[in-house]
């Protein structure tokens, strides 16, 4: 069985859209290196052509 981790020990990234930090989630385990947004709302609001 896997060791339980404290939330403070989990990896963290900065959201591309809102620039807020967000922690690793279990549902992102396989795709963590591809995750760029903290939520679906930030993903929808992001417009790469506007830059």
PDB file of N, CA and C in Angstrom:
ATOM      1  N   UNK A   1       0.841  -1.178   0.000  1.00  0.00           N
ATOM      2  CA  UNK A   1       0.000   0.000   0.000  1.00  0.00           C
ATOM      3  C   UNK A   1       0.887   1.243   0.000  1.00  0.00           C
ATOM      4  N   UNK A   2       0.481   2.254  -0.737  1.00  0.00           N
ATOM      5  CA  UNK A   2       1.259   3.476  -0.864  1.00  0.00           C
ATOM      6  C   UNK A   2       1.231   4.290   0.433  1.00  0.00           C
ATOM      7  N   UNK A   3       2.306   4.986   0.653  1.00  0.00           N
ATOM      8  CA  UNK A   3       2.426   5.829   1.833  1.00  0.00           C
ATOM      9  C   UNK A   3       1.573   7.088   1.660  1.00  0.00           C
ATOM     10  N   UNK A   4       0.838   7.440   2.689  1.00  0.00           N
ATOM     11  CA  UNK A   4       0.031   8.672   2.648  1.00  0.00           C
ATOM     12  C   UNK A   4       0.964   9.872   2.786  1.00  0.00           C
ATOM     13  N   UNK A   5       0.681  10.912   2.034  1.00  0.00           N
ATOM     14  CA  UNK A   5       1.488  12.129   2.089  1.00  0.00           C
ATOM     15  C   UNK A   5       0.658  13.278   2.630  1.00  0.00           C
ATOM     16  N   UNK A   6       1.336  14.179   3.278  1.00  0.00           N
ATOM     17  CA  UNK A   6       0.678  15.411   3.707  1.00  0.00           C
ATOM     18  C   UNK A   6       0.489  16.295   2.483  1.00  0.00           C
ATOM     19  N   UNK A   7      -0.533  17.118   2.490  1.00  0.00           N
ATOM     20  CA  UNK A   7      -0.789  17.992   1.350  1.00  0.00           C
ATOM     21  C   UNK A   7       0.403  18.913   1.081  1.00  0.00           C
ATOM     22  N   UNK A   8       1.113  19.294   2.114  1.00  0.00           N
ATOM     23  CA  UNK A   8       2.274  20.165   1.942  1.00  0.00           C
ATOM     24  C   UNK A   8       3.432  19.475   1.229  1.00  0.00           C
ATOM     25  N   UNK A   9       3.422  18.150   1.153  1.00  0.00           N
ATOM     26  CA  UNK A   9       4.491  17.393   0.499  1.00  0.00           C
ATOM     27  C   UNK A   9       4.210  17.125  -0.979  1.00  0.00           C
ATOM     28  N   UNK A  10       3.013  17.448  -1.463  1.00  0.00           N
ATOM     29  CA  UNK A  10       2.653  17.173  -2.849  1.00  0.00           C
ATOM     30  C   UNK A  10       3.293  18.185  -3.795  1.00  0.00           C
ATOM     31  N   UNK A  11       3.570  17.767  -5.044  1.00  0.00           N
ATOM     32  CA  UNK A  11       4.132  18.700  -6.022  1.00  0.00           C
ATOM     33  C   UNK A  11       3.158  19.830  -6.324  1.00  0.00           C
ATOM     34  N   UNK A  12       3.702  20.941  -6.755  1.00  0.00           N
ATOM     35  CA  UNK A  12       2.892  22.130  -7.001  1.00  0.00           C
ATOM     36  C   UNK A  12       3.307  22.764  -8.322  1.00  0.00           C
ATOM     37  N   UNK A  13       2.345  23.377  -9.015  1.00  0.00           N
ATOM     38  CA  UNK A  13       2.599  24.124 -10.242  1.00  0.00           C
ATOM     39  C   UNK A  13       1.864  25.454 -10.160  1.00  0.00           C
ATOM     40  N   UNK A  14       2.193  26.343 -11.096  1.00  0.00           N
ATOM     41  CA  UNK A  14       1.519  27.630 -11.215  1.00  0.00           C
ATOM     42  C   UNK A  14       0.611  27.572 -12.438  1.00  0.00           C
ATOM     43  N   UNK A  15      -0.630  27.978 -12.275  1.00  0.00           N
ATOM     44  CA  UNK A  15      -1.605  27.974 -13.366  1.00  0.00           C
ATOM     45  C   UNK A  15      -1.202  29.001 -14.422  1.00  0.00           C
ATOM     46  N   UNK A  16      -1.245  28.608 -15.686  1.00  0.00           N
ATOM     47  CA  UNK A  16      -0.882  29.481 -16.799  1.00  0.00           C
ATOM     48  C   UNK A  16      -1.851  30.654 -16.921  1.00  0.00           C
ATOM     49  N   UNK A  17      -3.120  30.436 -16.621  1.00  0.00           N
ATOM     50  CA  UNK A  17      -4.151  31.460 -16.800  1.00  0.00           C
ATOM     51  C   UNK A  17      -4.214  32.438 -15.620  1.00  0.00           C
ATOM     52  N   UNK A  18      -4.399  31.922 -14.415  1.00  0.00           N
ATOM     53  CA  UNK A  18      -4.637  32.801 -13.258  1.00  0.00           C
ATOM     54  C   UNK A  18      -3.388  33.039 -12.401  1.00  0.00           C
ATOM     55  N   UNK A  19      -2.298  32.336 -12.682  1.00  0.00           N
ATOM     56  CA  UNK A  19      -1.012  32.489 -11.981  1.00  0.00           C
ATOM     57  C   UNK A  19      -1.081  32.120 -10.499  1.00  0.00           C
ATOM     58  N   UNK A  20      -2.053  31.304 -10.127  1.00  0.00           N
ATOM     59  CA  UNK A  20      -2.148  30.823  -8.745  1.00  0.00           C
ATOM     60  C   UNK A  20      -1.518  29.437  -8.650  1.00  0.00           C
ATOM     61  N   UNK A  21      -0.944  29.119  -7.506  1.00  0.00           N
ATOM     62  CA  UNK A  21      -0.382  27.777  -7.334  1.00  0.00           C
ATOM     63  C   UNK A  21      -1.484  26.740  -7.133  1.00  0.00           C
ATOM     64  N   UNK A  22      -1.257  25.534  -7.645  1.00  0.00           N
ATOM     65  CA  UNK A  22      -2.186  24.434  -7.402  1.00  0.00           C
ATOM     66  C   UNK A  22      -1.395  23.159  -7.182  1.00  0.00           C
ATOM     67  N   UNK A  23      -1.953  22.269  -6.378  1.00  0.00           N
ATOM     68  CA  UNK A  23      -1.290  21.033  -5.979  1.00  0.00           C
ATOM     69  C   UNK A  23      -1.661  19.870  -6.892  1.00  0.00           C
ATOM     70  N   UNK A  24      -0.833  18.857  -6.856  1.00  0.00           N
ATOM     71  CA  UNK A  24      -1.065  17.606  -7.563  1.00  0.00           C
ATOM     72  C   UNK A  24      -2.359  16.976  -7.078  1.00  0.00           C
ATOM     73  N   UNK A  25      -3.112  16.397  -8.025  1.00  0.00           N
ATOM     74  CA  UNK A  25      -4.331  15.668  -7.689  1.00  0.00           C
ATOM     75  C   UNK A  25      -4.203  14.248  -8.214  1.00  0.00           C
ATOM     76  N   UNK A  26      -4.821  13.343  -7.523  1.00  0.00           N
ATOM     77  CA  UNK A  26      -4.721  11.934  -7.898  1.00  0.00           C
ATOM     78  C   UNK A  26      -5.195  11.679  -9.326  1.00  0.00           C
ATOM     79  N   UNK A  27      -6.250  12.389  -9.763  1.00  0.00           N
ATOM     80  CA  UNK A  27      -6.768  12.185 -11.111  1.00  0.00           C
ATOM     81  C   UNK A  27      -5.777  12.654 -12.184  1.00  0.00           C
ATOM     82  N   UNK A  28      -4.775  13.464 -11.799  1.00  0.00           N
ATOM     83  CA  UNK A  28      -3.759  13.930 -12.737  1.00  0.00           C
ATOM     84  C   UNK A  28      -2.490  13.083 -12.693  1.00  0.00           C
ATOM     85  N   UNK A  29      -2.502  11.982 -12.012  1.00  0.00           N
ATOM     86  CA  UNK A  29      -1.294  11.186 -11.788  1.00  0.00           C
ATOM     87  C   UNK A  29      -0.587  10.798 -13.086  1.00  0.00           C
ATOM     88  N   UNK A  30      -1.333  10.359 -14.093  1.00  0.00           N
ATOM     89  CA  UNK A  30      -0.718   9.927 -15.348  1.00  0.00           C
ATOM     90  C   UNK A  30      -0.291  11.097 -16.227  1.00  0.00           C
ATOM     91  N   UNK A  31      -0.935  12.260 -16.086  1.00  0.00           N
ATOM     92  CA  UNK A  31      -0.699  13.390 -16.977  1.00  0.00           C
ATOM     93  C   UNK A  31      -0.118  14.619 -16.295  1.00  0.00           C
ATOM     94  N   UNK A  32       0.459  14.479 -15.128  1.00  0.00           N
ATOM     95  CA  UNK A  32       0.914  15.630 -14.359  1.00  0.00           C
ATOM     96  C   UNK A  32       1.865  16.526 -15.158  1.00  0.00           C
ATOM     97  N   UNK A  33       2.718  15.949 -15.978  1.00  0.00           N
ATOM     98  CA  UNK A  33       3.670  16.756 -16.739  1.00  0.00           C
ATOM     99  C   UNK A  33       2.979  17.562 -17.850  1.00  0.00           C
ATOM    100  N   UNK A  34       1.737  17.229 -18.202  1.00  0.00           N
ATOM    101  CA  UNK A  34       0.981  17.970 -19.213  1.00  0.00           C
ATOM    102  C   UNK A  34      -0.002  18.971 -18.607  1.00  0.00           C
ATOM    103  N   UNK A  35      -0.266  18.896 -17.321  1.00  0.00           N
ATOM    104  CA  UNK A  35      -1.254  19.767 -16.672  1.00  0.00           C
ATOM    105  C   UNK A  35      -0.706  21.194 -16.600  1.00  0.00           C
ATOM    106  N   UNK A  36      -1.495  22.164 -17.099  1.00  0.00           N
ATOM    107  CA  UNK A  36      -1.085  23.570 -17.098  1.00  0.00           C
ATOM    108  C   UNK A  36      -2.071  24.472 -16.377  1.00  0.00           C
ATOM    109  N   UNK A  37      -3.313  24.014 -16.214  1.00  0.00           N
ATOM    110  CA  UNK A  37      -4.367  24.841 -15.656  1.00  0.00           C
ATOM    111  C   UNK A  37      -4.889  24.230 -14.363  1.00  0.00           C
ATOM    112  N   UNK A  38      -5.318  25.090 -13.443  1.00  0.00           N
ATOM    113  CA  UNK A  38      -5.809  24.629 -12.146  1.00  0.00           C
ATOM    114  C   UNK A  38      -7.255  24.148 -12.209  1.00  0.00           C
ATOM    115  N   UNK A  39      -8.003  24.586 -13.225  1.00  0.00           N
ATOM    116  CA  UNK A  39      -9.416  24.221 -13.309  1.00  0.00           C
ATOM    117  C   UNK A  39      -9.900  24.276 -14.750  1.00  0.00           C
ATOM    118  N   UNK A  40     -11.096  23.745 -14.985  1.00  0.00           N
ATOM    119  CA  UNK A  40     -11.705  23.812 -16.314  1.00  0.00           C
ATOM    120  C   UNK A  40     -12.026  25.268 -16.674  1.00  0.00           C
ATOM    121  N   UNK A  41     -12.389  26.080 -15.706  1.00  0.00           N
ATOM    122  CA  UNK A  41     -12.689  27.487 -15.968  1.00  0.00           C
ATOM    123  C   UNK A  41     -11.450  28.214 -16.520  1.00  0.00           C
ATOM    124  N   UNK A  42     -10.290  27.944 -15.956  1.00  0.00           N
ATOM    125  CA  UNK A  42      -9.052  28.558 -16.450  1.00  0.00           C
ATOM    126  C   UNK A  42      -8.703  28.009 -17.834  1.00  0.00           C
ATOM    127  N   UNK A  43      -8.943  26.738 -18.055  1.00  0.00           N
ATOM    128  CA  UNK A  43      -8.670  26.136 -19.359  1.00  0.00           C
ATOM    129  C   UNK A  43      -9.537  26.795 -20.437  1.00  0.00           C
ATOM    130  N   UNK A  44     -10.827  27.002 -20.148  1.00  0.00           N
ATOM    131  CA  UNK A  44     -11.731  27.623 -21.117  1.00  0.00           C
ATOM    132  C   UNK A  44     -11.385  29.094 -21.346  1.00  0.00           C
ATOM    133  N   UNK A  45     -10.945  29.787 -20.310  1.00  0.00           N
ATOM    134  CA  UNK A  45     -10.646  31.210 -20.415  1.00  0.00           C
ATOM    135  C   UNK A  45      -9.328  31.482 -21.128  1.00  0.00           C
ATOM    136  N   UNK A  46      -8.466  30.492 -21.205  1.00  0.00           N
ATOM    137  CA  UNK A  46      -7.144  30.672 -21.826  1.00  0.00           C
ATOM    138  C   UNK A  46      -7.281  30.774 -23.345  1.00  0.00           C
ATOM    139  N   UNK A  47      -6.712  31.803 -23.916  1.00  0.00           N
ATOM    140  CA  UNK A  47      -6.761  32.004 -25.353  1.00  0.00           C
ATOM    141  C   UNK A  47      -5.325  32.232 -25.846  1.00  0.00           C
ATOM    142  N   UNK A  48      -4.634  31.203 -26.315  1.00  0.00           N
ATOM    143  CA  UNK A  48      -3.226  31.343 -26.688  1.00  0.00           C
ATOM    144  C   UNK A  48      -2.991  32.294 -27.866  1.00  0.00           C
ATOM    145  N   UNK A  49      -3.974  32.494 -28.720  1.00  0.00           N
ATOM    146  CA  UNK A  49      -3.793  33.394 -29.859  1.00  0.00           C
ATOM    147  C   UNK A  49      -3.835  34.867 -29.450  1.00  0.00           C
ATOM    148  N   UNK A  50      -4.288  35.164 -28.239  1.00  0.00           N
ATOM    149  CA  UNK A  50      -4.385  36.543 -27.769  1.00  0.00           C
ATOM    150  C   UNK A  50      -3.035  37.105 -27.339  1.00  0.00           C
ATOM    151  N   UNK A  51      -2.045  36.269 -27.184  1.00  0.00           N
ATOM    152  CA  UNK A  51      -0.737  36.732 -26.699  1.00  0.00           C
ATOM    153  C   UNK A  51       0.048  37.424 -27.782  1.00  0.00           C
TER     154      UNK A  51
END
